[in-house]
Amino acid sequence: MESVLKFMLRLCLAGVLTVTLGLFVFGVMRQVVTDQLTNITDDIQAKNKAKQDARSNQAALQKQANDVAAQQARESAALKRQRQQAFNAQYQAPEGCEVYRSDRHMVECVNHKMRARRAFESSFEQAAGTGQSEPPNMIQYSGTPNGGQ
């Protein structure tokens, strides 16, 4: 009977050791899996943050480009207004062009203004090319005083 008892005791001890070893292995495996899941989660979060940062940077660059384009448009419009004001300030319609006497007279007056504007714009471009702040006053009427009639 003593041998049966010893056998049972050894069997119980083997069972306890097996369960203890199993729990230890289970604990180690659980820790390994948890660490791997943590690493995977960290990688995913890092990639998502990088994507979000890239989107934010792209949005900031787009906003900056839009701001620059808007500023250029405002400057262009201001320059256009200044040119228009400068042209209007120096342009003098030929005598008799205040009221059109005929269609032909109207065409002559409008053509005169168009030629004057082209000359003004050309002088503006030349002034910009030479660095002058304002173009020289070059507009002169070359038609007849009464508009060709």
C-alpha atoms as a PDB file:
ATOM      1  CA  MET A   1       0.000   0.000   0.000  1.00  0.00           C
ATOM      2  CA  GLU A   2       2.856   2.233   0.686  1.00  0.00           C
ATOM      3  CA  SER A   3       3.996   1.876  -2.882  1.00  0.00           C
ATOM      4  CA  VAL A   4       0.511   2.826  -4.119  1.00  0.00           C
ATOM      5  CA  LEU A   5       0.625   5.857  -1.869  1.00  0.00           C
ATOM      6  CA  LYS A   6       4.068   6.797  -3.141  1.00  0.00           C
ATOM      7  CA  PHE A   7       2.831   6.313  -6.684  1.00  0.00           C
ATOM      8  CA  MET A   8      -0.230   8.487  -6.038  1.00  0.00           C
ATOM      9  CA  LEU A   9       1.945  11.125  -4.400  1.00  0.00           C
ATOM     10  CA  ARG A  10       4.301  11.098  -7.365  1.00  0.00           C
ATOM     11  CA  LEU A  11       1.338  11.253  -9.715  1.00  0.00           C
ATOM     12  CA  CYS A  12      -0.125  14.241  -7.820  1.00  0.00           C
ATOM     13  CA  LEU A  13       3.275  15.925  -7.786  1.00  0.00           C
ATOM     14  CA  ALA A  14       3.653  15.300 -11.540  1.00  0.00           C
ATOM     15  CA  GLY A  15       0.164  16.728 -12.086  1.00  0.00           C
ATOM     16  CA  VAL A  16       0.934  19.813 -10.008  1.00  0.00           C
ATOM     17  CA  LEU A  17       4.225  20.302 -11.849  1.00  0.00           C
ATOM     18  CA  THR A  18       2.500  19.824 -15.206  1.00  0.00           C
ATOM     19  CA  VAL A  19      -0.239  22.314 -14.336  1.00  0.00           C
ATOM     20  CA  THR A  20       2.351  24.794 -12.989  1.00  0.00           C
ATOM     21  CA  LEU A  21       4.505  24.413 -16.075  1.00  0.00           C
ATOM     22  CA  GLY A  22       1.425  24.774 -18.296  1.00  0.00           C
ATOM     23  CA  LEU A  23       0.374  27.930 -16.491  1.00  0.00           C
ATOM     24  CA  PHE A  24       3.902  29.314 -16.814  1.00  0.00           C
ATOM     25  CA  VAL A  25       4.016  28.547 -20.544  1.00  0.00           C
ATOM     26  CA  PHE A  26       0.519  29.980 -20.947  1.00  0.00           C
ATOM     27  CA  GLY A  27       1.617  33.163 -19.123  1.00  0.00           C
ATOM     28  CA  VAL A  28       4.712  33.526 -21.278  1.00  0.00           C
ATOM     29  CA  MET A  29       2.710  32.936 -24.485  1.00  0.00           C
ATOM     30  CA  ARG A  30       0.069  35.409 -23.341  1.00  0.00           C
ATOM     31  CA  GLN A  31       2.782  38.030 -22.726  1.00  0.00           C
ATOM     32  CA  VAL A  32       4.359  37.377 -26.154  1.00  0.00           C
ATOM     33  CA  VAL A  33       0.988  37.726 -27.905  1.00  0.00           C
ATOM     34  CA  THR A  34       0.179  40.870 -25.898  1.00  0.00           C
ATOM     35  CA  ASP A  35       3.556  42.408 -26.823  1.00  0.00           C
ATOM     36  CA  GLN A  36       3.048  41.570 -30.486  1.00  0.00           C
ATOM     37  CA  LEU A  37      -0.445  43.066 -30.482  1.00  0.00           C
ATOM     38  CA  THR A  38       0.924  46.183 -28.767  1.00  0.00           C
ATOM     39  CA  ASN A  39       3.669  46.493 -31.406  1.00  0.00           C
ATOM     40  CA  ILE A  40       1.166  46.026 -34.235  1.00  0.00           C
ATOM     41  CA  THR A  41      -1.175  48.594 -32.690  1.00  0.00           C
ATOM     42  CA  ASP A  42       1.697  51.063 -32.226  1.00  0.00           C
ATOM     43  CA  ASP A  43       2.754  50.575 -35.865  1.00  0.00           C
ATOM     44  CA  ILE A  44      -0.800  51.150 -37.091  1.00  0.00           C
ATOM     45  CA  GLN A  45      -1.136  54.265 -34.951  1.00  0.00           C
ATOM     46  CA  ALA A  46       2.231  55.580 -36.181  1.00  0.00           C
ATOM     47  CA  LYS A  47       1.210  55.027 -39.807  1.00  0.00           C
ATOM     48  CA  ASN A  48      -2.155  56.696 -39.233  1.00  0.00           C
ATOM     49  CA  LYS A  49      -0.445  59.656 -37.555  1.00  0.00           C
ATOM     50  CA  ALA A  50       2.006  59.924 -40.450  1.00  0.00           C
ATOM     51  CA  LYS A  51      -0.898  59.905 -42.926  1.00  0.00           C
ATOM     52  CA  GLN A  52      -2.751  62.496 -40.881  1.00  0.00           C
ATOM     53  CA  ASP A  53       0.373  64.668 -40.673  1.00  0.00           C
ATOM     54  CA  ALA A  54       0.854  64.335 -44.433  1.00  0.00           C
ATOM     55  CA  ARG A  55      -2.764  65.384 -45.007  1.00  0.00           C
ATOM     56  CA  SER A  56      -2.340  68.319 -42.631  1.00  0.00           C
ATOM     57  CA  ASN A  57       0.856  69.375 -44.392  1.00  0.00           C
ATOM     58  CA  GLN A  58      -0.827  69.053 -47.770  1.00  0.00           C
ATOM     59  CA  ALA A  59      -3.774  71.100 -46.562  1.00  0.00           C
ATOM     60  CA  ALA A  60      -1.413  73.746 -45.173  1.00  0.00           C
ATOM     61  CA  LEU A  61       0.505  73.871 -48.461  1.00  0.00           C
ATOM     62  CA  GLN A  62      -2.747  74.127 -50.411  1.00  0.00           C
ATOM     63  CA  LYS A  63      -3.955  76.929 -48.139  1.00  0.00           C
ATOM     64  CA  GLN A  64      -0.649  78.718 -48.569  1.00  0.00           C
ATOM     65  CA  ALA A  65      -0.856  78.325 -52.360  1.00  0.00           C
ATOM     66  CA  ASN A  66      -4.447  79.614 -52.298  1.00  0.00           C
ATOM     67  CA  ASP A  67      -3.375  82.574 -50.168  1.00  0.00           C
ATOM     68  CA  VAL A  68      -0.536  83.378 -52.560  1.00  0.00           C
ATOM     69  CA  ALA A  69      -2.859  83.093 -55.559  1.00  0.00           C
ATOM     70  CA  ALA A  70      -5.438  85.323 -53.862  1.00  0.00           C
ATOM     71  CA  GLN A  71      -2.752  87.883 -53.004  1.00  0.00           C
ATOM     72  CA  GLN A  72      -1.496  87.843 -56.590  1.00  0.00           C
ATOM     73  CA  ALA A  73      -5.059  88.281 -57.848  1.00  0.00           C
ATOM     74  CA  ARG A  74      -5.566  91.244 -55.486  1.00  0.00           C
ATOM     75  CA  GLU A  75      -2.275  92.794 -56.601  1.00  0.00           C
ATOM     76  CA  SER A  76      -3.140  92.215 -60.249  1.00  0.00           C
ATOM     77  CA  ALA A  77      -6.572  93.793 -59.779  1.00  0.00           C
ATOM     78  CA  ALA A  78      -5.011  96.743 -57.945  1.00  0.00           C
ATOM     79  CA  LEU A  79      -2.472  97.207 -60.738  1.00  0.00           C
ATOM     80  CA  LYS A  80      -5.242  97.009 -63.314  1.00  0.00           C
ATOM     81  CA  ARG A  81      -7.232  99.653 -61.404  1.00  0.00           C
ATOM     82  CA  GLN A  82      -4.139 101.865 -61.144  1.00  0.00           C
ATOM     83  CA  ARG A  83      -3.487 101.526 -64.864  1.00  0.00           C
ATOM     84  CA  GLN A  84      -7.114 102.320 -65.641  1.00  0.00           C
ATOM     85  CA  GLN A  85      -7.023 105.362 -63.371  1.00  0.00           C
ATOM     86  CA  ALA A  86      -3.719 106.514 -64.878  1.00  0.00           C
ATOM     87  CA  PHE A  87      -5.089 106.109 -68.392  1.00  0.00           C
ATOM     88  CA  ASN A  88      -8.317 107.903 -67.519  1.00  0.00           C
ATOM     89  CA  ALA A  89      -6.343 110.721 -65.881  1.00  0.00           C
ATOM     90  CA  GLN A  90      -4.130 111.360 -68.910  1.00  0.00           C
ATOM     91  CA  TYR A  91      -6.503 110.526 -71.779  1.00  0.00           C
ATOM     92  CA  GLN A  92      -8.252 113.422 -73.442  1.00  0.00           C
ATOM     93  CA  ALA A  93     -10.824 112.627 -76.062  1.00  0.00           C
ATOM     94  CA  PRO A  94     -10.497 114.621 -79.271  1.00  0.00           C
ATOM     95  CA  GLU A  95     -12.680 117.644 -79.634  1.00  0.00           C
ATOM     96  CA  GLY A  96     -16.163 116.656 -80.700  1.00  0.00           C
ATOM     97  CA  CYS A  97     -16.026 113.088 -79.287  1.00  0.00           C
ATOM     98  CA  GLU A  98     -18.164 113.956 -76.257  1.00  0.00           C
ATOM     99  CA  VAL A  99     -21.318 113.494 -78.365  1.00  0.00           C
ATOM    100  CA  TYR A 100     -21.266 111.302 -81.447  1.00  0.00           C
ATOM    101  CA  ARG A 101     -22.667 112.850 -84.623  1.00  0.00           C
ATOM    102  CA  SER A 102     -22.821 109.617 -86.597  1.00  0.00           C
ATOM    103  CA  ASP A 103     -21.886 105.979 -86.486  1.00  0.00           C
ATOM    104  CA  ARG A 104     -18.733 106.752 -88.425  1.00  0.00           C
ATOM    105  CA  HIS A 105     -17.819 109.517 -85.974  1.00  0.00           C
ATOM    106  CA  MET A 106     -18.409 107.134 -83.044  1.00  0.00           C
ATOM    107  CA  VAL A 107     -16.147 104.528 -84.663  1.00  0.00           C
ATOM    108  CA  GLU A 108     -13.400 107.121 -85.179  1.00  0.00           C
ATOM    109  CA  CYS A 109     -13.635 108.261 -81.555  1.00  0.00           C
ATOM    110  CA  VAL A 110     -13.645 104.700 -80.199  1.00  0.00           C
ATOM    111  CA  ASN A 111     -10.729 103.778 -82.457  1.00  0.00           C
ATOM    112  CA  HIS A 112      -8.832 106.800 -81.197  1.00  0.00           C
ATOM    113  CA  LYS A 113      -9.376 105.726 -77.609  1.00  0.00           C
ATOM    114  CA  MET A 114      -8.307 102.155 -78.442  1.00  0.00           C
ATOM    115  CA  ARG A 115      -5.110 103.391 -80.141  1.00  0.00           C
ATOM    116  CA  ALA A 116      -4.426 105.657 -77.180  1.00  0.00           C
ATOM    117  CA  ARG A 117      -4.935 102.761 -74.761  1.00  0.00           C
ATOM    118  CA  ARG A 118      -2.586 100.536 -76.777  1.00  0.00           C
ATOM    119  CA  ALA A 119       0.056 103.261 -76.797  1.00  0.00           C
ATOM    120  CA  PHE A 120      -0.461 103.801 -73.066  1.00  0.00           C
ATOM    121  CA  GLU A 121      -0.163 100.073 -72.327  1.00  0.00           C
ATOM    122  CA  SER A 122       2.926  99.851 -74.515  1.00  0.00           C
ATOM    123  CA  SER A 123       4.524 102.774 -72.692  1.00  0.00           C
ATOM    124  CA  PHE A 124       3.550 101.135 -69.397  1.00  0.00           C
ATOM    125  CA  GLU A 125       5.296  97.909 -70.465  1.00  0.00           C
ATOM    126  CA  GLN A 126       8.375  99.859 -71.580  1.00  0.00           C
ATOM    127  CA  ALA A 127       8.439 101.753 -68.297  1.00  0.00           C
ATOM    128  CA  ALA A 128       8.179  98.476 -66.367  1.00  0.00           C
ATOM    129  CA  GLY A 129      11.015  97.019 -68.442  1.00  0.00           C
ATOM    130  CA  THR A 130      13.308  99.993 -67.744  1.00  0.00           C
ATOM    131  CA  GLY A 131      12.349 100.220 -64.070  1.00  0.00           C
ATOM    132  CA  GLN A 132      10.549 103.571 -64.289  1.00  0.00           C
ATOM    133  CA  SER A 133       7.705 104.067 -61.858  1.00  0.00           C
ATOM    134  CA  GLU A 134       5.389 105.708 -64.395  1.00  0.00           C
ATOM    135  CA  PRO A 135       5.252 105.678 -68.181  1.00  0.00           C
ATOM    136  CA  PRO A 136       5.915 108.857 -70.131  1.00  0.00           C
ATOM    137  CA  ASN A 137       2.904 110.768 -71.436  1.00  0.00           C
ATOM    138  CA  MET A 138       2.888 109.714 -75.108  1.00  0.00           C
ATOM    139  CA  ILE A 139      -0.755 110.003 -76.156  1.00  0.00           C
ATOM    140  CA  GLN A 140      -1.422 112.446 -78.977  1.00  0.00           C
ATOM    141  CA  TYR A 141      -4.426 112.752 -81.218  1.00  0.00           C
ATOM    142  CA  SER A 142      -3.564 112.162 -84.873  1.00  0.00           C
ATOM    143  CA  GLY A 143      -7.028 112.602 -86.389  1.00  0.00           C
ATOM    144  CA  THR A 144      -8.853 115.668 -87.501  1.00  0.00           C
ATOM    145  CA  PRO A 145     -10.292 117.932 -84.809  1.00  0.00           C
ATOM    146  CA  ASN A 146     -13.906 117.358 -85.871  1.00  0.00           C
ATOM    147  CA  GLY A 147     -13.613 113.580 -86.102  1.00  0.00           C
ATOM    148  CA  GLY A 148     -13.191 113.391 -89.902  1.00  0.00           C
ATOM    149  CA  GLN A 149     -16.272 115.408 -90.844  1.00  0.00           C
END
